[in-house]
Protein backbone atom coordinates (compact mmCIF):
# COMPACT_ATOMS: atom_id res chain seq x y z
CA LEU A 1 2.67 -16.56 -15.62
CA ARG A 2 0.02 -14.94 -13.63
CA LEU A 3 -3.22 -13.83 -15.45
CA LEU A 4 -5.57 -11.41 -13.77
CA LEU A 5 -9.12 -11.29 -14.94
CA PRO A 6 -10.85 -7.98 -14.61
CA MET A 7 -14.50 -6.79 -13.83
CA VAL A 8 -15.39 -10.21 -12.96
CA SER A 9 -18.96 -10.26 -11.39
CA ARG A 10 -20.09 -13.85 -11.53
CA VAL A 11 -18.74 -17.46 -10.95
CA SER A 12 -19.91 -18.40 -14.49
CA GLU A 13 -17.60 -15.70 -15.82
CA VAL A 14 -14.52 -17.39 -14.21
CA ASN A 15 -15.46 -20.63 -15.36
CA GLU A 16 -16.01 -19.61 -18.97
CA THR A 17 -12.88 -17.76 -19.02
CA VAL A 18 -10.60 -20.25 -17.49
CA GLU A 19 -12.08 -22.96 -19.92
CA LEU A 20 -11.02 -20.61 -22.71
CA ILE A 21 -7.63 -20.20 -21.35
CA GLU A 22 -7.01 -23.89 -21.24
CA GLU A 23 -8.47 -24.59 -24.67
CA ILE A 24 -6.00 -21.98 -25.95
CA ALA A 25 -3.08 -23.13 -23.90
CA SER A 26 -3.75 -26.45 -25.32
CA GLU A 27 -3.77 -25.40 -28.84
CA VAL A 28 -0.21 -23.77 -28.46
CA ASN A 29 1.25 -26.55 -26.38
CA VAL A 30 1.18 -24.90 -22.96
CA ASP A 31 0.47 -26.73 -19.69
CA ALA A 32 -2.43 -24.48 -18.34
CA SER A 33 -2.12 -25.93 -14.83
CA LYS A 34 1.25 -23.81 -14.44
CA LEU A 35 -0.70 -20.63 -15.14
CA GLU A 36 -1.64 -18.61 -11.86
CA ILE A 37 -5.07 -17.25 -12.53
CA GLY A 38 -6.46 -14.52 -10.53
CA ILE A 39 -9.46 -11.98 -10.59
CA MET A 40 -9.99 -8.49 -9.83
CA ILE A 41 -12.56 -7.83 -7.38
CA GLU A 42 -14.14 -4.45 -8.40
CA VAL A 43 -17.68 -4.90 -8.01
CA PRO A 44 -19.74 -5.74 -4.76
CA SER A 45 -21.34 -8.93 -6.25
CA THR A 46 -17.75 -10.58 -6.55
CA ALA A 47 -16.63 -9.32 -3.03
CA ILE A 48 -19.79 -10.88 -1.75
CA ILE A 49 -19.33 -14.32 -3.52
CA VAL A 50 -15.49 -14.59 -3.22
CA ASP A 51 -15.89 -18.01 -1.28
CA ARG A 52 -17.93 -19.29 -4.34
CA VAL A 53 -15.23 -18.09 -6.71
CA ALA A 54 -12.62 -19.79 -4.59
CA LYS A 55 -14.38 -23.12 -4.52
CA THR A 56 -14.11 -23.46 -8.19
CA GLY A 57 -10.31 -24.34 -7.87
CA ARG A 58 -9.73 -22.24 -10.67
CA VAL A 59 -8.37 -19.04 -9.19
CA ARG A 60 -5.24 -18.72 -6.86
CA PHE A 61 -5.31 -15.10 -5.95
CA VAL A 62 -7.52 -12.10 -5.83
CA SER A 63 -6.79 -8.43 -6.36
CA TYR A 64 -9.20 -5.86 -4.89
CA GLY A 65 -9.58 -2.93 -7.24
CA THR A 66 -10.42 -0.21 -4.69
CA ASN A 67 -11.31 2.63 -6.92
CA ASP A 68 -14.03 0.88 -8.73
CA LEU A 69 -15.23 -1.15 -5.75
CA THR A 70 -15.60 1.90 -3.59
CA GLN A 71 -17.49 3.66 -6.48
CA TYR A 72 -20.08 0.64 -6.83
CA VAL A 73 -20.50 0.14 -2.93
CA LEU A 74 -21.18 3.94 -2.53
CA ALA A 75 -23.08 4.09 -5.87
CA VAL A 76 -21.49 7.21 -6.76
CA ASP A 77 -19.64 8.08 -10.11
CA ARG A 78 -16.39 9.45 -8.81
CA THR A 79 -15.63 11.34 -12.13
CA ASN A 80 -19.08 13.28 -11.67
CA PRO A 81 -18.21 16.67 -10.03
CA LYS A 82 -21.90 16.91 -8.66
CA VAL A 83 -21.56 13.63 -6.58
CA SER A 84 -17.84 12.95 -6.47
CA SER A 85 -17.58 14.39 -2.88
CA ILE A 86 -19.41 11.20 -1.75
CA TYR A 87 -16.80 8.91 -3.09
CA ASP A 88 -14.60 8.00 -0.13
CA ASP A 89 -12.63 4.60 0.17
CA MET A 90 -12.29 5.07 3.78
CA ASP A 91 -16.07 5.00 4.22
CA PRO A 92 -16.85 2.13 6.74
CA SER A 93 -19.19 0.48 4.53
CA VAL A 94 -16.31 -0.09 1.94
CA LEU A 95 -14.03 -1.13 4.75
CA ARG A 96 -16.53 -3.59 6.22
CA LEU A 97 -17.10 -5.17 2.78
CA LEU A 98 -13.29 -5.52 2.45
CA SER A 99 -12.82 -7.20 5.82
CA ILE A 100 -15.71 -9.74 5.24
CA SER A 101 -14.61 -10.46 1.77
CA MET A 102 -10.79 -10.74 2.41
CA ASN A 103 -11.37 -12.79 5.38
CA GLU A 104 -13.38 -15.17 3.03
CA ALA A 105 -10.63 -15.23 0.43
CA ARG A 106 -7.92 -15.95 2.89
CA LYS A 107 -10.15 -18.71 4.60
CA HIS A 108 -10.43 -20.45 1.27
CA GLY A 109 -6.72 -20.46 0.40
CA LEU A 110 -6.64 -17.27 -1.93
CA GLU A 111 -3.71 -14.69 -1.91
CA VAL A 112 -5.06 -11.47 -1.29
CA GLU A 113 -3.82 -8.24 -3.10
CA VAL A 114 -5.12 -4.67 -3.11
CA CYS A 115 -4.68 -2.06 -5.81
CA GLY A 116 -6.18 1.15 -6.26
CA GLU A 117 -5.66 4.50 -4.47
CA LEU A 118 -6.45 2.92 -1.01
CA ALA A 119 -3.36 0.80 -1.26
CA SER A 120 -1.35 3.96 -1.34
CA ARG A 121 -3.06 5.82 1.56
CA GLN A 122 -0.82 5.97 4.67
CA LEU A 123 -3.99 5.93 6.97
CA ALA A 124 -5.24 2.76 5.12
CA VAL A 125 -2.01 0.81 5.49
CA PRO A 126 -2.67 -0.45 9.02
CA ILE A 127 -6.20 -1.52 8.12
CA LEU A 128 -5.20 -3.37 4.89
CA LEU A 129 -2.34 -5.41 6.91
CA SER A 130 -4.87 -6.14 9.61
CA PHE A 131 -7.18 -7.61 6.80
CA GLY A 132 -4.30 -9.85 5.91
CA VAL A 133 -3.52 -8.49 2.65
CA ASN A 134 -0.44 -10.33 0.85
CA ALA A 135 0.49 -7.48 -1.52
CA LEU A 136 -0.16 -3.76 -1.95
CA SER A 137 0.09 -2.48 -5.60
CA VAL A 138 1.20 1.09 -5.39
CA ASN A 139 2.80 3.87 -7.59
CA LEU A 140 6.48 3.98 -7.25
CA SER A 141 6.16 7.38 -5.75
CA SER A 142 4.26 5.86 -2.68
CA VAL A 143 6.49 2.82 -2.03
CA GLY A 144 8.70 4.70 0.41
CA LEU A 145 5.60 6.05 2.40
CA VAL A 146 3.82 2.59 2.54
CA LYS A 147 7.20 0.99 3.79
CA TYR A 148 7.85 3.75 6.35
CA THR A 149 4.29 3.36 7.77
CA ILE A 150 4.48 -0.56 7.82
CA LYS A 151 7.77 -0.37 9.89
CA GLY A 152 6.04 1.85 12.33
CA ILE A 153 2.83 -0.04 13.32
CA ASP A 154 2.35 -3.01 15.66
CA LEU A 155 -0.16 -5.36 13.96
CA ARG A 156 -1.21 -7.08 17.15
CA GLU A 157 -2.14 -3.63 18.50
CA VAL A 158 -3.77 -2.47 15.23
CA ASN A 159 -5.90 -5.87 15.36
CA SER A 160 -6.84 -5.80 18.95
CA LYS A 161 -7.40 -1.93 19.79
CA LEU A 162 -8.04 -0.21 16.17
CA MET A 163 -9.99 -2.59 14.06
CA PRO A 164 -13.10 -2.58 16.29
CA GLU A 165 -13.14 1.09 16.39
CA VAL A 166 -12.53 1.36 12.58
CA LEU A 167 -15.25 -1.25 11.68
CA ASN A 168 -17.71 0.24 14.00
CA ALA A 169 -17.21 3.88 13.03
CA ASN A 170 -20.23 5.74 11.74
CA ASN A 171 -18.30 7.74 9.14
CA SER A 172 -14.87 7.98 7.41
CA GLU A 173 -13.74 11.08 9.26
CA SER A 174 -14.10 9.05 12.50
CA VAL A 175 -12.01 6.16 10.86
CA ARG A 176 -9.40 8.70 9.89
CA GLU A 177 -9.17 10.32 13.29
CA VAL A 178 -8.83 6.79 15.07
CA LEU A 179 -5.94 6.05 12.54
CA ARG A 180 -4.21 9.49 12.83
CA LYS A 181 -4.23 9.14 16.66
CA TYR A 182 -2.72 5.87 16.38
CA LEU A 183 0.06 6.73 13.93
CA ILE A 184 1.11 9.87 15.87
CA SER A 185 1.17 7.50 19.26
CA LYS A 186 3.66 5.33 17.21
CA LYS A 187 5.60 8.36 16.33
CA VAL A 188 4.93 7.77 12.76
CA THR A 189 4.81 11.25 10.83
CA ILE A 190 1.71 11.40 8.79
CA LEU A 191 2.66 12.63 5.40
CA GLU A 192 -0.45 12.30 3.18
């Protein structure tokens, strides 16, 4: 059984929740050590302290909720029509935070997953794979596109040539242009 704890923002929340889970598991004669516990990383505070969360030894995996995380990194309400145009999950600040945080998570032995719209974006697939993501949670309608894109890329090439450009881009349009050119060069039809 895998349990995913949403909207975690502090290490203390992880500790308190896991203690409650262990207490309840004991009451119903369930071995809590067999439960895989993970957290959703939806706020910048957790993305920044993922190493501290990992060091608790209580979490085995993390899932980056890119919709909320993007909203909070960019300080924009994606549902507000007056400012929603600023919301962009391919913004270099969002991608840099993901890169740094996912690297720390992997370094500390956590499995890394991504959910949210970014996981379904064809142009984002090479980036997320480069970050060492273990799993992408996508809508059923996006599975084929994601698989098609994965088959068409060379991860070594993405790591060595694309990622320096992507992570040093000044804006999301520059990021998209780098990725479009790469996919076209690999004869991957861009379908998004």
